[in-house]
PDB file of all heavy atoms in Angstrom:
ATOM      1  N   HIS A   1       0.827  -1.219   0.000  1.00  0.00           N
ATOM      2  CA  HIS A   1       0.000   0.000   0.000  1.00  0.00           C
ATOM      3  C   HIS A   1       0.855   1.260   0.000  1.00  0.00           C
ATOM      4  O   HIS A   1       0.453   2.306   0.500  1.00  0.00           O
ATOM      5  CB  HIS A   1      -0.955   0.008   1.198  1.00  0.00           C
ATOM      6  CG  HIS A   1      -1.887  -1.163   1.205  1.00  0.00           C
ATOM      7  ND1 HIS A   1      -2.859  -1.352   0.241  1.00  0.00           N
ATOM      8  CD2 HIS A   1      -1.980  -2.233   2.043  1.00  0.00           C
ATOM      9  CE1 HIS A   1      -3.514  -2.470   0.497  1.00  0.00           C
ATOM     10  NE2 HIS A   1      -3.007  -3.027   1.574  1.00  0.00           N
ATOM     11  N   ASN A   2       2.043   1.125  -0.569  1.00  0.00           N
ATOM     12  CA  ASN A   2       2.936   2.266  -0.787  1.00  0.00           C
ATOM     13  C   ASN A   2       3.258   2.306  -2.267  1.00  0.00           C
ATOM     14  O   ASN A   2       4.001   1.448  -2.762  1.00  0.00           O
ATOM     15  CB  ASN A   2       4.213   2.106   0.035  1.00  0.00           C
ATOM     16  CG  ASN A   2       5.194   3.262  -0.180  1.00  0.00           C
ATOM     17  OD1 ASN A   2       4.990   4.127  -1.041  1.00  0.00           O
ATOM     18  ND2 ASN A   2       6.270   3.280   0.586  1.00  0.00           N
ATOM     19  N   PRO A   3       2.709   3.290  -3.015  1.00  0.00           N
ATOM     20  CA  PRO A   3       2.836   3.274  -4.474  1.00  0.00           C
ATOM     21  C   PRO A   3       4.171   3.748  -5.018  1.00  0.00           C
ATOM     22  O   PRO A   3       4.329   3.858  -6.235  1.00  0.00           O
ATOM     23  CB  PRO A   3       1.726   4.230  -4.916  1.00  0.00           C
ATOM     24  CG  PRO A   3       1.660   5.238  -3.802  1.00  0.00           C
ATOM     25  CD  PRO A   3       1.916   4.449  -2.546  1.00  0.00           C
ATOM     26  N   SER A   4       5.141   4.027  -4.174  1.00  0.00           N
ATOM     27  CA  SER A   4       6.436   4.554  -4.610  1.00  0.00           C
ATOM     28  C   SER A   4       6.998   3.736  -5.789  1.00  0.00           C
ATOM     29  O   SER A   4       6.877   2.504  -5.799  1.00  0.00           O
ATOM     30  CB  SER A   4       7.409   4.519  -3.434  1.00  0.00           C
ATOM     31  OG  SER A   4       8.672   4.987  -3.818  1.00  0.00           O
ATOM     32  N   PRO A   5       7.583   4.413  -6.755  1.00  0.00           N
ATOM     33  CA  PRO A   5       7.919   5.844  -6.860  1.00  0.00           C
ATOM     34  C   PRO A   5       6.758   6.733  -7.322  1.00  0.00           C
ATOM     35  O   PRO A   5       6.960   7.935  -7.496  1.00  0.00           O
ATOM     36  CB  PRO A   5       9.045   5.849  -7.887  1.00  0.00           C
ATOM     37  CG  PRO A   5       8.718   4.709  -8.786  1.00  0.00           C
ATOM     38  CD  PRO A   5       8.172   3.643  -7.884  1.00  0.00           C
ATOM     39  N   CYS A   6       5.586   6.178  -7.537  1.00  0.00           N
ATOM     40  CA  CYS A   6       4.431   7.005  -7.862  1.00  0.00           C
ATOM     41  C   CYS A   6       3.934   7.722  -6.611  1.00  0.00           C
ATOM     42  O   CYS A   6       4.212   7.302  -5.477  1.00  0.00           O
ATOM     43  CB  CYS A   6       3.298   6.153  -8.442  1.00  0.00           C
ATOM     44  SG  CYS A   6       3.624   5.528 -10.116  1.00  0.00           S
ATOM     45  N   SER A   7       3.196   8.785  -6.819  1.00  0.00           N
ATOM     46  CA  SER A   7       2.587   9.498  -5.700  1.00  0.00           C
ATOM     47  C   SER A   7       1.273   8.859  -5.278  1.00  0.00           C
ATOM     48  O   SER A   7       0.859   8.986  -4.128  1.00  0.00           O
ATOM     49  CB  SER A   7       2.346  10.960  -6.088  1.00  0.00           C
ATOM     50  OG  SER A   7       3.561  11.604  -6.376  1.00  0.00           O
ATOM     51  N   ALA A   8       0.613   8.188  -6.222  1.00  0.00           N
ATOM     52  CA  ALA A   8      -0.660   7.534  -5.925  1.00  0.00           C
ATOM     53  C   ALA A   8      -0.932   6.472  -6.963  1.00  0.00           C
ATOM     54  O   ALA A   8      -0.542   6.591  -8.124  1.00  0.00           O
ATOM     55  CB  ALA A   8      -1.798   8.557  -5.914  1.00  0.00           C
ATOM     56  N   VAL A   9      -1.606   5.418  -6.534  1.00  0.00           N
ATOM     57  CA  VAL A   9      -2.118   4.385  -7.426  1.00  0.00           C
ATOM     58  C   VAL A   9      -3.526   4.061  -6.976  1.00  0.00           C
ATOM     59  O   VAL A   9      -3.761   3.794  -5.798  1.00  0.00           O
ATOM     60  CB  VAL A   9      -1.248   3.107  -7.411  1.00  0.00           C
ATOM     61  CG1 VAL A   9      -1.947   1.961  -8.153  1.00  0.00           C
ATOM     62  CG2 VAL A   9       0.117   3.363  -8.027  1.00  0.00           C
ATOM     63  N   ASP A  10      -4.471   4.109  -7.900  1.00  0.00           N
ATOM     64  CA  ASP A  10      -5.869   3.809  -7.602  1.00  0.00           C
ATOM     65  C   ASP A  10      -6.257   2.548  -8.364  1.00  0.00           C
ATOM     66  O   ASP A  10      -6.365   2.571  -9.594  1.00  0.00           O
ATOM     67  CB  ASP A  10      -6.766   4.972  -8.013  1.00  0.00           C
ATOM     68  CG  ASP A  10      -8.234   4.744  -7.657  1.00  0.00           C
ATOM     69  OD1 ASP A  10      -8.565   3.653  -7.155  1.00  0.00           O
ATOM     70  OD2 ASP A  10      -9.051   5.656  -7.879  1.00  0.00           O
ATOM     71  N   LEU A  11      -6.476   1.473  -7.626  1.00  0.00           N
ATOM     72  CA  LEU A  11      -6.859   0.198  -8.226  1.00  0.00           C
ATOM     73  C   LEU A  11      -8.267  -0.207  -7.802  1.00  0.00           C
ATOM     74  O   LEU A  11      -8.629  -1.381  -7.852  1.00  0.00           O
ATOM     75  CB  LEU A  11      -5.870  -0.905  -7.810  1.00  0.00           C
ATOM     76  CG  LEU A  11      -4.408  -0.685  -8.217  1.00  0.00           C
ATOM     77  CD1 LEU A  11      -3.525  -1.792  -7.658  1.00  0.00           C
ATOM     78  CD2 LEU A  11      -4.267  -0.590  -9.719  1.00  0.00           C
ATOM     79  N   ALA A  12      -9.083   0.776  -7.408  1.00  0.00           N
ATOM     80  CA  ALA A  12     -10.427   0.488  -6.903  1.00  0.00           C
ATOM     81  C   ALA A  12     -11.265  -0.293  -7.905  1.00  0.00           C
ATOM     82  O   ALA A  12     -12.101  -1.114  -7.526  1.00  0.00           O
ATOM     83  CB  ALA A  12     -11.130   1.787  -6.525  1.00  0.00           C
ATOM     84  N   ASN A  13     -11.053  -0.024  -9.194  1.00  0.00           N
ATOM     85  CA  ASN A  13     -11.813  -0.719 -10.237  1.00  0.00           C
ATOM     86  C   ASN A  13     -10.988  -1.775 -10.951  1.00  0.00           C
ATOM     87  O   ASN A  13     -11.334  -2.209 -12.048  1.00  0.00           O
ATOM     88  CB  ASN A  13     -12.340   0.305 -11.254  1.00  0.00           C
ATOM     89  CG  ASN A  13     -13.337   1.259 -10.629  1.00  0.00           C
ATOM     90  OD1 ASN A  13     -14.245   0.839  -9.933  1.00  0.00           O
ATOM     91  ND2 ASN A  13     -13.147   2.552 -10.866  1.00  0.00           N
ATOM     92  N   GLY A  14      -9.894  -2.188 -10.306  1.00  0.00           N
ATOM     93  CA  GLY A  14      -9.042  -3.198 -10.897  1.00  0.00           C
ATOM     94  C   GLY A  14      -7.906  -2.596 -11.705  1.00  0.00           C
ATOM     95  O   GLY A  14      -7.953  -1.428 -12.111  1.00  0.00           O
ATOM     96  N   VAL A  15      -6.879  -3.405 -11.946  1.00  0.00           N
ATOM     97  CA  VAL A  15      -5.705  -2.930 -12.673  1.00  0.00           C
ATOM     98  C   VAL A  15      -6.071  -2.475 -14.071  1.00  0.00           C
ATOM     99  O   VAL A  15      -5.526  -1.501 -14.595  1.00  0.00           O
ATOM    100  CB  VAL A  15      -4.627  -4.041 -12.728  1.00  0.00           C
ATOM    101  CG1 VAL A  15      -3.473  -3.626 -13.631  1.00  0.00           C
ATOM    102  CG2 VAL A  15      -4.107  -4.350 -11.329  1.00  0.00           C
ATOM    103  N   ASP A  16      -7.019  -3.162 -14.717  1.00  0.00           N
ATOM    104  CA  ASP A  16      -7.374  -2.829 -16.096  1.00  0.00           C
ATOM    105  C   ASP A  16      -8.017  -1.454 -16.232  1.00  0.00           C
ATOM    106  O   ASP A  16      -8.052  -0.896 -17.334  1.00  0.00           O
ATOM    107  CB  ASP A  16      -8.327  -3.878 -16.679  1.00  0.00           C
ATOM    108  CG  ASP A  16      -7.622  -5.197 -16.951  1.00  0.00           C
ATOM    109  OD1 ASP A  16      -6.376  -5.208 -16.972  1.00  0.00           O
ATOM    110  OD2 ASP A  16      -8.302  -6.212 -17.133  1.00  0.00           O
ATOM    111  N   LYS A  17      -8.532  -0.908 -15.123  1.00  0.00           N
ATOM    112  CA  LYS A  17      -9.152   0.417 -15.181  1.00  0.00           C
ATOM    113  C   LYS A  17      -8.554   1.371 -14.156  1.00  0.00           C
ATOM    114  O   LYS A  17      -9.119   2.415 -13.873  1.00  0.00           O
ATOM    115  CB  LYS A  17     -10.665   0.305 -14.968  1.00  0.00           C
ATOM    116  CG  LYS A  17     -11.369  -0.431 -16.095  1.00  0.00           C
ATOM    117  CD  LYS A  17     -12.870  -0.242 -16.045  1.00  0.00           C
ATOM    118  CE  LYS A  17     -13.526  -0.858 -17.270  1.00  0.00           C
ATOM    119  NZ  LYS A  17     -14.942  -0.493 -17.405  1.00  0.00           N
ATOM    120  N   GLY A  18      -7.408   1.000 -13.633  1.00  0.00           N
ATOM    121  CA  GLY A  18      -6.784   1.808 -12.601  1.00  0.00           C
ATOM    122  C   GLY A  18      -5.963   2.954 -13.154  1.00  0.00           C
ATOM    123  O   GLY A  18      -5.764   3.100 -14.360  1.00  0.00           O
ATOM    124  N   THR A  19      -5.467   3.788 -12.246  1.00  0.00           N
ATOM    125  CA  THR A  19      -4.646   4.938 -12.622  1.00  0.00           C
ATOM    126  C   THR A  19      -3.494   5.102 -11.634  1.00  0.00           C
ATOM    127  O   THR A  19      -3.575   4.695 -10.473  1.00  0.00           O
ATOM    128  CB  THR A  19      -5.461   6.246 -12.631  1.00  0.00           C
ATOM    129  OG1 THR A  19      -6.021   6.467 -11.329  1.00  0.00           O
ATOM    130  CG2 THR A  19      -6.582   6.186 -13.666  1.00  0.00           C
ATOM    131  N   ALA A  20      -2.438   5.714 -12.138  1.00  0.00           N
ATOM    132  CA  ALA A  20      -1.297   6.059 -11.295  1.00  0.00           C
ATOM    133  C   ALA A  20      -0.940   7.515 -11.540  1.00  0.00           C
ATOM    134  O   ALA A  20      -1.162   8.047 -12.637  1.00  0.00           O
ATOM    135  CB  ALA A  20      -0.101   5.160 -11.613  1.00  0.00           C
ATOM    136  N   VAL A  21      -0.397   8.157 -10.526  1.00  0.00           N
ATOM    137  CA  VAL A  21       0.069   9.542 -10.641  1.00  0.00           C
ATOM    138  C   VAL A  21       1.555   9.546 -10.309  1.00  0.00           C
ATOM    139  O   VAL A  21       1.968   9.070  -9.255  1.00  0.00           O
ATOM    140  CB  VAL A  21      -0.687  10.483  -9.684  1.00  0.00           C
ATOM    141  CG1 VAL A  21      -0.162  11.906  -9.821  1.00  0.00           C
ATOM    142  CG2 VAL A  21      -2.184  10.435  -9.958  1.00  0.00           C
ATOM    143  N   LEU A  22       2.342  10.075 -11.227  1.00  0.00           N
ATOM    144  CA  LEU A  22       3.795  10.065 -11.094  1.00  0.00           C
ATOM    145  C   LEU A  22       4.345  11.468 -11.301  1.00  0.00           C
ATOM    146  O   LEU A  22       3.971  12.154 -12.252  1.00  0.00           O
ATOM    147  CB  LEU A  22       4.398   9.112 -12.141  1.00  0.00           C
ATOM    148  CG  LEU A  22       5.924   9.033 -12.223  1.00  0.00           C
ATOM    149  CD1 LEU A  22       6.500   8.368 -10.980  1.00  0.00           C
ATOM    150  CD2 LEU A  22       6.352   8.268 -13.490  1.00  0.00           C
ATOM    151  N   LYS A  23       5.253  11.890 -10.427  1.00  0.00           N
ATOM    152  CA  LYS A  23       5.950  13.170 -10.627  1.00  0.00           C
ATOM    153  C   LYS A  23       6.880  13.040 -11.828  1.00  0.00           C
ATOM    154  O   LYS A  23       7.699  12.136 -11.894  1.00  0.00           O
ATOM    155  CB  LYS A  23       6.763  13.535  -9.379  1.00  0.00           C
ATOM    156  CG  LYS A  23       7.661  14.761  -9.538  1.00  0.00           C
ATOM    157  CD  LYS A  23       6.872  16.033  -9.745  1.00  0.00           C
ATOM    158  CE  LYS A  23       7.779  17.248  -9.939  1.00  0.00           C
ATOM    159  NZ  LYS A  23       8.521  17.241 -11.221  1.00  0.00           N
ATOM    160  N   ASP A  24       6.715  13.948 -12.793  1.00  0.00           N
ATOM    161  CA  ASP A  24       7.590  13.947 -13.946  1.00  0.00           C
ATOM    162  C   ASP A  24       8.968  14.459 -13.544  1.00  0.00           C
ATOM    163  O   ASP A  24       9.091  15.291 -12.642  1.00  0.00           O
ATOM    164  CB  ASP A  24       6.991  14.834 -15.049  1.00  0.00           C
ATOM    165  CG  ASP A  24       7.616  14.592 -16.408  1.00  0.00           C
ATOM    166  OD1 ASP A  24       8.801  14.947 -16.588  1.00  0.00           O
ATOM    167  OD2 ASP A  24       6.933  14.045 -17.281  1.00  0.00           O
ATOM    168  N   ILE A  25       9.996  13.981 -14.232  1.00  0.00           N
ATOM    169  CA  ILE A  25      11.342  14.465 -13.923  1.00  0.00           C
ATOM    170  C   ILE A  25      11.544  15.890 -14.431  1.00  0.00           C
ATOM    171  O   ILE A  25      12.475  16.570 -14.014  1.00  0.00           O
ATOM    172  CB  ILE A  25      12.428  13.545 -14.514  1.00  0.00           C
ATOM    173  CG1 ILE A  25      12.288  13.448 -16.042  1.00  0.00           C
ATOM    174  CG2 ILE A  25      12.369  12.167 -13.881  1.00  0.00           C
ATOM    175  CD1 ILE A  25      13.417  12.678 -16.697  1.00  0.00           C
ATOM    176  N   VAL A  26      10.654  16.349 -15.321  1.00  0.00           N
ATOM    177  CA  VAL A  26      10.728  17.703 -15.860  1.00  0.00           C
ATOM    178  C   VAL A  26       9.762  18.602 -15.095  1.00  0.00           C
ATOM    179  O   VAL A  26       8.611  18.242 -14.867  1.00  0.00           O
ATOM    180  CB  VAL A  26      10.374  17.733 -17.359  1.00  0.00           C
ATOM    181  CG1 VAL A  26      10.336  19.163 -17.879  1.00  0.00           C
ATOM    182  CG2 VAL A  26      11.371  16.897 -18.157  1.00  0.00           C
ATOM    183  N   GLY A  27      10.220  19.779 -14.691  1.00  0.00           N
ATOM    184  CA  GLY A  27       9.333  20.749 -14.059  1.00  0.00           C
ATOM    185  C   GLY A  27       9.331  20.663 -12.545  1.00  0.00           C
ATOM    186  O   GLY A  27       9.652  19.635 -11.954  1.00  0.00           O
ATOM    187  N   ILE A  28       8.920  21.767 -11.941  1.00  0.00           N
ATOM    188  CA  ILE A  28       8.908  21.811 -10.481  1.00  0.00           C
ATOM    189  C   ILE A  28       7.649  21.184  -9.902  1.00  0.00           C
ATOM    190  O   ILE A  28       7.633  20.768  -8.739  1.00  0.00           O
ATOM    191  CB  ILE A  28       9.051  23.265  -9.973  1.00  0.00           C
ATOM    192  CG1 ILE A  28       7.891  24.142 -10.467  1.00  0.00           C
ATOM    193  CG2 ILE A  28      10.366  23.861 -10.406  1.00  0.00           C
ATOM    194  CD1 ILE A  28       7.911  25.540  -9.885  1.00  0.00           C
ATOM    195  N   ALA A  29       6.588  21.104 -10.692  1.00  0.00           N
ATOM    196  CA  ALA A  29       5.332  20.582 -10.146  1.00  0.00           C
ATOM    197  C   ALA A  29       4.531  19.803 -11.184  1.00  0.00           C
ATOM    198  O   ALA A  29       3.331  19.627 -11.017  1.00  0.00           O
ATOM    199  CB  ALA A  29       4.489  21.735  -9.594  1.00  0.00           C
ATOM    200  N   GLN A  30       5.183  19.332 -12.234  1.00  0.00           N
ATOM    201  CA  GLN A  30       4.475  18.583 -13.258  1.00  0.00           C
ATOM    202  C   GLN A  30       4.273  17.134 -12.831  1.00  0.00           C
ATOM    203  O   GLN A  30       5.219  16.462 -12.419  1.00  0.00           O
ATOM    204  CB  GLN A  30       5.239  18.603 -14.598  1.00  0.00           C
ATOM    205  CG  GLN A  30       4.500  17.844 -15.674  1.00  0.00           C
ATOM    206  CD  GLN A  30       5.285  17.660 -16.964  1.00  0.00           C
ATOM    207  OE1 GLN A  30       4.732  17.194 -17.959  1.00  0.00           O
ATOM    208  NE2 GLN A  30       6.568  18.011 -16.966  1.00  0.00           N
ATOM    209  N   PHE A  31       3.029  16.672 -12.950  1.00  0.00           N
ATOM    210  CA  PHE A  31       2.705  15.278 -12.674  1.00  0.00           C
ATOM    211  C   PHE A  31       2.084  14.646 -13.911  1.00  0.00           C
ATOM    212  O   PHE A  31       1.577  15.340 -14.792  1.00  0.00           O
ATOM    213  CB  PHE A  31       1.743  15.175 -11.492  1.00  0.00           C
ATOM    214  CG  PHE A  31       2.404  15.393 -10.158  1.00  0.00           C
ATOM    215  CD1 PHE A  31       2.662  16.677  -9.690  1.00  0.00           C
ATOM    216  CD2 PHE A  31       2.791  14.312  -9.367  1.00  0.00           C
ATOM    217  CE1 PHE A  31       3.290  16.888  -8.474  1.00  0.00           C
ATOM    218  CE2 PHE A  31       3.428  14.518  -8.146  1.00  0.00           C
ATOM    219  CZ  PHE A  31       3.665  15.801  -7.689  1.00  0.00           C
ATOM    220  N   LEU A  32       2.133  13.326 -13.958  1.00  0.00           N
ATOM    221  CA  LEU A  32       1.555  12.571 -15.055  1.00  0.00           C
ATOM    222  C   LEU A  32       0.493  11.631 -14.519  1.00  0.00           C
ATOM    223  O   LEU A  32       0.698  10.957 -13.500  1.00  0.00           O
ATOM    224  CB  LEU A  32       2.625  11.747 -15.777  1.00  0.00           C
ATOM    225  CG  LEU A  32       3.844  12.502 -16.311  1.00  0.00           C
ATOM    226  CD1 LEU A  32       4.854  11.518 -16.900  1.00  0.00           C
ATOM    227  CD2 LEU A  32       3.442  13.540 -17.342  1.00  0.00           C
TER     228      LEU A  32
END
């Protein structure tokens, strides 16, 4: 339950419909 290196992983609807949020290496506050 630690999504590192992502900031968040949501698997509530399963991996096939899940999402992850990752800090981009470019920018001071850009996320993907």
